[in-house]
Amino acid sequence: SQYVVWFIAAFTVVFLMTPLVVTIAVSFGSSTVFTLPPPDWSLRWYERLAGMRGLLPALLVSLQVAAASTAVALV
Protein backbone atom coordinates (compact mmCIF):
# COMPACT_ATOMS: atom_id res chain seq x y z
CA SER A 1 0.00 0.00 0.00
CA GLN A 2 2.95 2.33 0.64
CA TYR A 3 4.14 1.71 -2.93
CA VAL A 4 0.75 2.73 -4.26
CA VAL A 5 0.92 6.00 -2.33
CA TRP A 6 4.43 6.70 -3.65
CA PHE A 7 3.34 5.84 -7.19
CA ILE A 8 0.35 8.19 -6.99
CA ALA A 9 2.54 10.94 -5.52
CA ALA A 10 5.17 10.53 -8.26
CA PHE A 11 2.50 10.46 -10.97
CA THR A 12 0.93 13.63 -9.55
CA VAL A 13 4.26 15.46 -9.52
CA VAL A 14 5.02 14.44 -13.11
CA PHE A 15 1.48 15.37 -14.20
CA LEU A 16 1.71 18.82 -12.61
CA MET A 17 5.28 19.58 -13.75
CA THR A 18 4.91 18.51 -17.40
CA PRO A 19 3.25 21.77 -18.59
CA LEU A 20 6.00 23.81 -16.93
CA VAL A 21 8.75 21.75 -18.54
CA VAL A 22 7.10 21.98 -21.97
CA THR A 23 6.63 25.74 -21.61
CA ILE A 24 10.28 26.24 -20.69
CA ALA A 25 11.41 24.05 -23.60
CA VAL A 26 9.25 25.97 -26.07
CA SER A 27 10.47 29.32 -24.68
CA PHE A 28 13.95 28.57 -25.99
CA GLY A 29 12.65 27.96 -29.51
CA SER A 30 13.01 30.44 -32.33
CA SER A 31 9.56 29.79 -33.79
CA THR A 32 6.67 32.23 -33.31
CA VAL A 33 4.24 29.32 -32.95
CA PHE A 34 4.19 26.39 -30.53
CA THR A 35 6.33 23.60 -31.96
CA LEU A 36 7.96 20.66 -30.26
CA PRO A 37 10.77 20.06 -30.71
CA PRO A 38 11.75 23.65 -31.49
CA PRO A 39 13.16 24.07 -35.02
CA ASP A 40 16.08 26.10 -33.67
CA TRP A 41 17.30 27.05 -30.20
CA SER A 42 17.29 30.76 -29.39
CA LEU A 43 17.15 33.32 -26.60
CA ARG A 44 14.93 35.52 -28.79
CA TRP A 45 11.99 35.68 -26.38
CA TYR A 46 14.19 36.40 -23.35
CA GLU A 47 15.93 39.24 -25.21
CA ARG A 48 12.53 40.66 -26.07
CA LEU A 49 11.38 40.30 -22.47
CA ALA A 50 14.45 42.14 -21.18
CA GLY A 51 13.73 45.06 -23.52
CA MET A 52 10.09 45.51 -22.50
CA ARG A 53 9.12 48.79 -20.91
CA GLY A 54 7.06 48.58 -17.75
CA LEU A 55 8.24 45.08 -16.89
CA LEU A 56 9.99 46.02 -13.66
CA PRO A 57 7.08 48.00 -12.16
CA ALA A 58 4.67 45.19 -13.05
CA LEU A 59 7.01 42.64 -11.49
CA LEU A 60 7.27 44.69 -8.31
CA VAL A 61 3.48 44.97 -8.03
CA SER A 62 3.18 41.20 -8.53
CA LEU A 63 5.73 40.57 -5.77
CA GLN A 64 3.90 42.95 -3.41
CA VAL A 65 0.57 41.22 -4.07
CA ALA A 66 2.20 37.82 -3.57
CA ALA A 67 3.77 38.93 -0.29
CA ALA A 68 0.48 40.38 0.98
CA SER A 69 -1.44 37.26 -0.06
CA THR A 70 1.10 35.04 1.67
CA ALA A 71 0.89 37.13 4.86
CA VAL A 72 -2.91 36.99 4.88
CA ALA A 73 -2.90 33.24 4.19
CA LEU A 74 -0.47 32.59 7.03
CA VAL A 75 -2.61 34.49 9.50
PDB file of N, CA and C in Angstrom:
ATOM      1  N   SER A   1       0.826  -1.207   0.000  1.00  0.00           N
ATOM      2  CA  SER A   1       0.000   0.000   0.000  1.00  0.00           C
ATOM      3  C   SER A   1       0.866   1.266   0.000  1.00  0.00           C
ATOM      4  N   GLN A   2       2.045   1.183   0.629  1.00  0.00           N
ATOM      5  CA  GLN A   2       2.945   2.335   0.636  1.00  0.00           C
ATOM      6  C   GLN A   2       3.470   2.606  -0.772  1.00  0.00           C
ATOM      7  N   TYR A   3       3.682   1.552  -1.545  1.00  0.00           N
ATOM      8  CA  TYR A   3       4.142   1.713  -2.928  1.00  0.00           C
ATOM      9  C   TYR A   3       3.087   2.401  -3.790  1.00  0.00           C
ATOM     10  N   VAL A   4       1.842   2.104  -3.514  1.00  0.00           N
ATOM     11  CA  VAL A   4       0.748   2.734  -4.256  1.00  0.00           C
ATOM     12  C   VAL A   4       0.720   4.234  -3.963  1.00  0.00           C
ATOM     13  N   VAL A   5       0.904   4.590  -2.714  1.00  0.00           N
ATOM     14  CA  VAL A   5       0.919   6.001  -2.329  1.00  0.00           C
ATOM     15  C   VAL A   5       2.084   6.721  -3.006  1.00  0.00           C
ATOM     16  N   TRP A   6       3.265   6.096  -2.997  1.00  0.00           N
ATOM     17  CA  TRP A   6       4.427   6.699  -3.647  1.00  0.00           C
ATOM     18  C   TRP A   6       4.222   6.804  -5.159  1.00  0.00           C
ATOM     19  N   PHE A   7       3.612   5.806  -5.760  1.00  0.00           N
ATOM     20  CA  PHE A   7       3.335   5.844  -7.193  1.00  0.00           C
ATOM     21  C   PHE A   7       2.379   6.979  -7.528  1.00  0.00           C
ATOM     22  N   ILE A   8       1.324   7.112  -6.755  1.00  0.00           N
ATOM     23  CA  ILE A   8       0.352   8.187  -6.985  1.00  0.00           C
ATOM     24  C   ILE A   8       1.010   9.549  -6.782  1.00  0.00           C
ATOM     25  N   ALA A   9       1.847   9.674  -5.766  1.00  0.00           N
ATOM     26  CA  ALA A   9       2.543  10.944  -5.524  1.00  0.00           C
ATOM     27  C   ALA A   9       3.483  11.277  -6.676  1.00  0.00           C
ATOM     28  N   ALA A  10       4.243  10.303  -7.143  1.00  0.00           N
ATOM     29  CA  ALA A  10       5.165  10.534  -8.260  1.00  0.00           C
ATOM     30  C   ALA A  10       4.403  10.876  -9.530  1.00  0.00           C
ATOM     31  N   PHE A  11       3.315  10.166  -9.795  1.00  0.00           N
ATOM     32  CA  PHE A  11       2.503  10.460 -10.969  1.00  0.00           C
ATOM     33  C   PHE A  11       1.936  11.875 -10.899  1.00  0.00           C
ATOM     34  N   THR A  12       1.486  12.288  -9.728  1.00  0.00           N
ATOM     35  CA  THR A  12       0.929  13.628  -9.554  1.00  0.00           C
ATOM     36  C   THR A  12       1.977  14.696  -9.809  1.00  0.00           C
ATOM     37  N   VAL A  13       3.180  14.494  -9.293  1.00  0.00           N
ATOM     38  CA  VAL A  13       4.262  15.461  -9.517  1.00  0.00           C
ATOM     39  C   VAL A  13       4.589  15.561 -11.002  1.00  0.00           C
ATOM     40  N   VAL A  14       4.719  14.431 -11.673  1.00  0.00           N
ATOM     41  CA  VAL A  14       5.015  14.445 -13.114  1.00  0.00           C
ATOM     42  C   VAL A  14       3.878  15.113 -13.882  1.00  0.00           C
ATOM     43  N   PHE A  15       2.643  14.795 -13.529  1.00  0.00           N
ATOM     44  CA  PHE A  15       1.480  15.368 -14.199  1.00  0.00           C
ATOM     45  C   PHE A  15       1.436  16.890 -14.041  1.00  0.00           C
ATOM     46  N   LEU A  16       1.761  17.383 -12.857  1.00  0.00           N
ATOM     47  CA  LEU A  16       1.707  18.818 -12.607  1.00  0.00           C
ATOM     48  C   LEU A  16       2.917  19.568 -13.172  1.00  0.00           C
ATOM     49  N   MET A  17       4.066  18.917 -13.275  1.00  0.00           N
ATOM     50  CA  MET A  17       5.277  19.577 -13.747  1.00  0.00           C
ATOM     51  C   MET A  17       5.427  19.555 -15.267  1.00  0.00           C
ATOM     52  N   THR A  18       4.763  18.637 -15.947  1.00  0.00           N
ATOM     53  CA  THR A  18       4.909  18.514 -17.399  1.00  0.00           C
ATOM     54  C   THR A  18       4.591  19.810 -18.146  1.00  0.00           C
ATOM     55  N   PRO A  19       3.494  20.514 -17.866  1.00  0.00           N
ATOM     56  CA  PRO A  19       3.254  21.773 -18.594  1.00  0.00           C
ATOM     57  C   PRO A  19       4.352  22.809 -18.388  1.00  0.00           C
ATOM     58  N   LEU A  20       4.914  22.869 -17.199  1.00  0.00           N
ATOM     59  CA  LEU A  20       6.004  23.811 -16.931  1.00  0.00           C
ATOM     60  C   LEU A  20       7.241  23.454 -17.747  1.00  0.00           C
ATOM     61  N   VAL A  21       7.584  22.192 -17.787  1.00  0.00           N
ATOM     62  CA  VAL A  21       8.753  21.750 -18.544  1.00  0.00           C
ATOM     63  C   VAL A  21       8.560  22.011 -20.030  1.00  0.00           C
ATOM     64  N   VAL A  22       7.382  21.738 -20.545  1.00  0.00           N
ATOM     65  CA  VAL A  22       7.097  21.984 -21.966  1.00  0.00           C
ATOM     66  C   VAL A  22       7.161  23.470 -22.269  1.00  0.00           C
ATOM     67  N   THR A  23       6.601  24.292 -21.398  1.00  0.00           N
ATOM     68  CA  THR A  23       6.630  25.743 -21.605  1.00  0.00           C
ATOM     69  C   THR A  23       8.054  26.266 -21.629  1.00  0.00           C
ATOM     70  N   ILE A  24       8.875  25.803 -20.726  1.00  0.00           N
ATOM     71  CA  ILE A  24      10.278  26.241 -20.694  1.00  0.00           C
ATOM     72  C   ILE A  24      11.007  25.779 -21.959  1.00  0.00           C
ATOM     73  N   ALA A  25      10.766  24.556 -22.388  1.00  0.00           N
ATOM     74  CA  ALA A  25      11.414  24.047 -23.604  1.00  0.00           C
ATOM     75  C   ALA A  25      11.014  24.870 -24.821  1.00  0.00           C
ATOM     76  N   VAL A  26       9.739  25.192 -24.926  1.00  0.00           N
ATOM     77  CA  VAL A  26       9.253  25.974 -26.072  1.00  0.00           C
ATOM     78  C   VAL A  26       9.775  27.409 -26.004  1.00  0.00           C
ATOM     79  N   SER A  27      10.006  27.934 -24.804  1.00  0.00           N
ATOM     80  CA  SER A  27      10.467  29.320 -24.682  1.00  0.00           C
ATOM     81  C   SER A  27      11.861  29.523 -25.259  1.00  0.00           C
ATOM     82  N   PHE A  28      12.620  28.464 -25.392  1.00  0.00           N
ATOM     83  CA  PHE A  28      13.952  28.566 -25.986  1.00  0.00           C
ATOM     84  C   PHE A  28      13.939  28.331 -27.492  1.00  0.00           C
ATOM     85  N   GLY A  29      12.760  28.158 -28.063  1.00  0.00           N
ATOM     86  CA  GLY A  29      12.646  27.956 -29.505  1.00  0.00           C
ATOM     87  C   GLY A  29      12.611  29.274 -30.247  1.00  0.00           C
ATOM     88  N   SER A  30      12.989  29.224 -31.515  1.00  0.00           N
ATOM     89  CA  SER A  30      13.010  30.440 -32.326  1.00  0.00           C
ATOM     90  C   SER A  30      11.690  30.677 -33.049  1.00  0.00           C
ATOM     91  N   SER A  31      10.811  29.703 -33.043  1.00  0.00           N
ATOM     92  CA  SER A  31       9.558  29.795 -33.787  1.00  0.00           C
ATOM     93  C   SER A  31       8.562  30.730 -33.088  1.00  0.00           C
ATOM     94  N   THR A  32       7.699  31.362 -33.885  1.00  0.00           N
ATOM     95  CA  THR A  32       6.666  32.232 -33.314  1.00  0.00           C
ATOM     96  C   THR A  32       5.422  31.444 -32.935  1.00  0.00           C
ATOM     97  N   VAL A  33       5.369  30.178 -33.306  1.00  0.00           N
ATOM     98  CA  VAL A  33       4.241  29.318 -32.947  1.00  0.00           C
ATOM     99  C   VAL A  33       4.758  28.153 -32.112  1.00  0.00           C
ATOM    100  N   PHE A  34       3.853  27.518 -31.394  1.00  0.00           N
ATOM    101  CA  PHE A  34       4.191  26.390 -30.531  1.00  0.00           C
ATOM    102  C   PHE A  34       4.603  25.188 -31.381  1.00  0.00           C
ATOM    103  N   THR A  35       5.849  24.788 -31.268  1.00  0.00           N
ATOM    104  CA  THR A  35       6.330  23.603 -31.959  1.00  0.00           C
ATOM    105  C   THR A  35       7.276  22.836 -31.054  1.00  0.00           C
ATOM    106  N   LEU A  36       7.061  21.533 -30.998  1.00  0.00           N
ATOM    107  CA  LEU A  36       7.964  20.661 -30.260  1.00  0.00           C
ATOM    108  C   LEU A  36       8.420  19.568 -31.189  1.00  0.00           C
ATOM    109  N   PRO A  37       9.668  19.283 -31.274  1.00  0.00           N
ATOM    110  CA  PRO A  37      10.768  20.058 -30.711  1.00  0.00           C
ATOM    111  C   PRO A  37      10.950  21.369 -31.461  1.00  0.00           C
ATOM    112  N   PRO A  38      11.544  22.363 -30.820  1.00  0.00           N
ATOM    113  CA  PRO A  38      11.749  23.648 -31.493  1.00  0.00           C
ATOM    114  C   PRO A  38      12.636  23.473 -32.726  1.00  0.00           C
ATOM    115  N   PRO A  39      12.343  24.206 -33.809  1.00  0.00           N
ATOM    116  CA  PRO A  39      13.165  24.070 -35.016  1.00  0.00           C
ATOM    117  C   PRO A  39      14.599  24.545 -34.804  1.00  0.00           C
ATOM    118  N   ASP A  40      14.773  25.535 -33.957  1.00  0.00           N
ATOM    119  CA  ASP A  40      16.085  26.105 -33.667  1.00  0.00           C
ATOM    120  C   ASP A  40      16.066  26.582 -32.225  1.00  0.00           C
ATOM    121  N   TRP A  41      17.204  26.554 -31.560  1.00  0.00           N
ATOM    122  CA  TRP A  41      17.297  27.053 -30.196  1.00  0.00           C
ATOM    123  C   TRP A  41      17.688  28.521 -30.224  1.00  0.00           C
ATOM    124  N   SER A  42      17.060  29.323 -29.363  1.00  0.00           N
ATOM    125  CA  SER A  42      17.289  30.756 -29.392  1.00  0.00           C
ATOM    126  C   SER A  42      16.943  31.370 -28.041  1.00  0.00           C
ATOM    127  N   LEU A  43      17.521  32.534 -27.778  1.00  0.00           N
ATOM    128  CA  LEU A  43      17.151  33.323 -26.603  1.00  0.00           C
ATOM    129  C   LEU A  43      16.286  34.517 -27.017  1.00  0.00           C
ATOM    130  N   ARG A  44      15.703  34.425 -28.195  1.00  0.00           N
ATOM    131  CA  ARG A  44      14.926  35.517 -28.789  1.00  0.00           C
ATOM    132  C   ARG A  44      13.878  36.082 -27.834  1.00  0.00           C
ATOM    133  N   TRP A  45      13.100  35.208 -27.215  1.00  0.00           N
ATOM    134  CA  TRP A  45      11.994  35.678 -26.376  1.00  0.00           C
ATOM    135  C   TRP A  45      12.503  36.289 -25.079  1.00  0.00           C
ATOM    136  N   TYR A  46      13.627  35.826 -24.579  1.00  0.00           N
ATOM    137  CA  TYR A  46      14.190  36.401 -23.354  1.00  0.00           C
ATOM    138  C   TYR A  46      14.824  37.763 -23.634  1.00  0.00           C
ATOM    139  N   GLU A  47      15.411  37.926 -24.814  1.00  0.00           N
ATOM    140  CA  GLU A  47      15.931  39.245 -25.211  1.00  0.00           C
ATOM    141  C   GLU A  47      14.784  40.240 -25.341  1.00  0.00           C
ATOM    142  N   ARG A  48      13.698  39.787 -25.922  1.00  0.00           N
ATOM    143  CA  ARG A  48      12.531  40.659 -26.073  1.00  0.00           C
ATOM    144  C   ARG A  48      11.934  41.023 -24.705  1.00  0.00           C
ATOM    145  N   LEU A  49      11.899  40.058 -23.817  1.00  0.00           N
ATOM    146  CA  LEU A  49      11.377  40.299 -22.471  1.00  0.00           C
ATOM    147  C   LEU A  49      12.229  41.319 -21.721  1.00  0.00           C
ATOM    148  N   ALA A  50      13.549  41.218 -21.867  1.00  0.00           N
ATOM    149  CA  ALA A  50      14.453  42.143 -21.180  1.00  0.00           C
ATOM    150  C   ALA A  50      14.297  43.570 -21.691  1.00  0.00           C
ATOM    151  N   GLY A  51      13.878  43.734 -22.940  1.00  0.00           N
ATOM    152  CA  GLY A  51      13.734  45.058 -23.518  1.00  0.00           C
ATOM    153  C   GLY A  51      12.358  45.682 -23.333  1.00  0.00           C
ATOM    154  N   MET A  52      11.448  44.990 -22.654  1.00  0.00           N
ATOM    155  CA  MET A  52      10.088  45.507 -22.499  1.00  0.00           C
ATOM    156  C   MET A  52      10.039  46.635 -21.479  1.00  0.00           C
ATOM    157  N   ARG A  53       9.345  47.698 -21.858  1.00  0.00           N
ATOM    158  CA  ARG A  53       9.117  48.792 -20.907  1.00  0.00           C
ATOM    159  C   ARG A  53       8.001  48.399 -19.957  1.00  0.00           C
ATOM    160  N   GLY A  54       8.112  48.831 -18.733  1.00  0.00           N
ATOM    161  CA  GLY A  54       7.065  48.581 -17.749  1.00  0.00           C
ATOM    162  C   GLY A  54       7.137  47.212 -17.103  1.00  0.00           C
ATOM    163  N   LEU A  55       8.127  46.421 -17.464  1.00  0.00           N
ATOM    164  CA  LEU A  55       8.238  45.080 -16.895  1.00  0.00           C
ATOM    165  C   LEU A  55       8.592  45.135 -15.410  1.00  0.00           C
ATOM    166  N   LEU A  56       9.554  45.958 -15.055  1.00  0.00           N
ATOM    167  CA  LEU A  56       9.993  46.024 -13.663  1.00  0.00           C
ATOM    168  C   LEU A  56       8.883  46.517 -12.722  1.00  0.00           C
ATOM    169  N   PRO A  57       8.170  47.596 -13.051  1.00  0.00           N
ATOM    170  CA  PRO A  57       7.076  48.003 -12.155  1.00  0.00           C
ATOM    171  C   PRO A  57       5.990  46.927 -12.022  1.00  0.00           C
ATOM    172  N   ALA A  58       5.679  46.249 -13.111  1.00  0.00           N
ATOM    173  CA  ALA A  58       4.675  45.189 -13.045  1.00  0.00           C
ATOM    174  C   ALA A  58       5.163  44.028 -12.184  1.00  0.00           C
ATOM    175  N   LEU A  59       6.430  43.702 -12.304  1.00  0.00           N
ATOM    176  CA  LEU A  59       7.006  42.638 -11.494  1.00  0.00           C
ATOM    177  C   LEU A  59       6.985  43.003 -10.011  1.00  0.00           C
ATOM    178  N   LEU A  60       7.291  44.244  -9.707  1.00  0.00           N
ATOM    179  CA  LEU A  60       7.271  44.686  -8.309  1.00  0.00           C
ATOM    180  C   LEU A  60       5.860  44.637  -7.728  1.00  0.00           C
ATOM    181  N   VAL A  61       4.871  45.043  -8.497  1.00  0.00           N
ATOM    182  CA  VAL A  61       3.482  44.965  -8.029  1.00  0.00           C
ATOM    183  C   VAL A  61       3.092  43.508  -7.786  1.00  0.00           C
ATOM    184  N   SER A  62       3.482  42.620  -8.690  1.00  0.00           N
ATOM    185  CA  SER A  62       3.178  41.199  -8.528  1.00  0.00           C
ATOM    186  C   SER A  62       3.812  40.650  -7.260  1.00  0.00           C
ATOM    187  N   LEU A  63       5.056  41.036  -6.990  1.00  0.00           N
ATOM    188  CA  LEU A  63       5.729  40.569  -5.775  1.00  0.00           C
ATOM    189  C   LEU A  63       5.059  41.118  -4.520  1.00  0.00           C
ATOM    190  N   GLN A  64       4.599  42.371  -4.563  1.00  0.00           N
ATOM    191  CA  GLN A  64       3.900  42.947  -3.413  1.00  0.00           C
ATOM    192  C   GLN A  64       2.579  42.230  -3.160  1.00  0.00           C
ATOM    193  N   VAL A  65       1.842  41.946  -4.216  1.00  0.00           N
ATOM    194  CA  VAL A  65       0.574  41.225  -4.071  1.00  0.00           C
ATOM    195  C   VAL A  65       0.822  39.818  -3.535  1.00  0.00           C
ATOM    196  N   ALA A  66       1.869  39.160  -4.045  1.00  0.00           N
ATOM    197  CA  ALA A  66       2.200  37.819  -3.573  1.00  0.00           C
ATOM    198  C   ALA A  66       2.584  37.832  -2.097  1.00  0.00           C
ATOM    199  N   ALA A  67       3.360  38.820  -1.687  1.00  0.00           N
ATOM    200  CA  ALA A  67       3.773  38.926  -0.285  1.00  0.00           C
ATOM    201  C   ALA A  67       2.556  39.189   0.608  1.00  0.00           C
ATOM    202  N   ALA A  68       1.686  40.087   0.187  1.00  0.00           N
ATOM    203  CA  ALA A  68       0.483  40.384   0.982  1.00  0.00           C
ATOM    204  C   ALA A  68      -0.421  39.167   1.063  1.00  0.00           C
ATOM    205  N   SER A  69      -0.600  38.462  -0.040  1.00  0.00           N
ATOM    206  CA  SER A  69      -1.436  37.260  -0.061  1.00  0.00           C
ATOM    207  C   SER A  69      -0.861  36.184   0.858  1.00  0.00           C
ATOM    208  N   THR A  70       0.444  36.032   0.815  1.00  0.00           N
ATOM    209  CA  THR A  70       1.097  35.038   1.675  1.00  0.00           C
ATOM    210  C   THR A  70       0.899  35.403   3.145  1.00  0.00           C
ATOM    211  N   ALA A  71       1.075  36.686   3.472  1.00  0.00           N
ATOM    212  CA  ALA A  71       0.895  37.126   4.857  1.00  0.00           C
ATOM    213  C   ALA A  71      -0.533  36.884   5.332  1.00  0.00           C
ATOM    214  N   VAL A  72      -1.502  37.200   4.501  1.00  0.00           N
ATOM    215  CA  VAL A  72      -2.906  36.989   4.883  1.00  0.00           C
ATOM    216  C   VAL A  72      -3.199  35.487   5.036  1.00  0.00           C
ATOM    217  N   ALA A  73      -2.662  34.678   4.121  1.00  0.00           N
ATOM    218  CA  ALA A  73      -2.904  33.242   4.188  1.00  0.00           C
ATOM    219  C   ALA A  73      -2.267  32.620   5.435  1.00  0.00           C
ATOM    220  N   LEU A  74      -1.127  33.131   5.841  1.00  0.00           N
ATOM    221  CA  LEU A  74      -0.466  32.586   7.026  1.00  0.00           C
ATOM    222  C   LEU A  74      -1.197  32.933   8.310  1.00  0.00           C
ATOM    223  N   VAL A  75      -1.862  34.086   8.312  1.00  0.00           N
ATOM    224  CA  VAL A  75      -2.610  34.486   9.505  1.00  0.00           C
ATOM    225  C   VAL A  75      -3.836  33.612   9.618  1.00  0.00           C
TER     226      VAL A  75
END
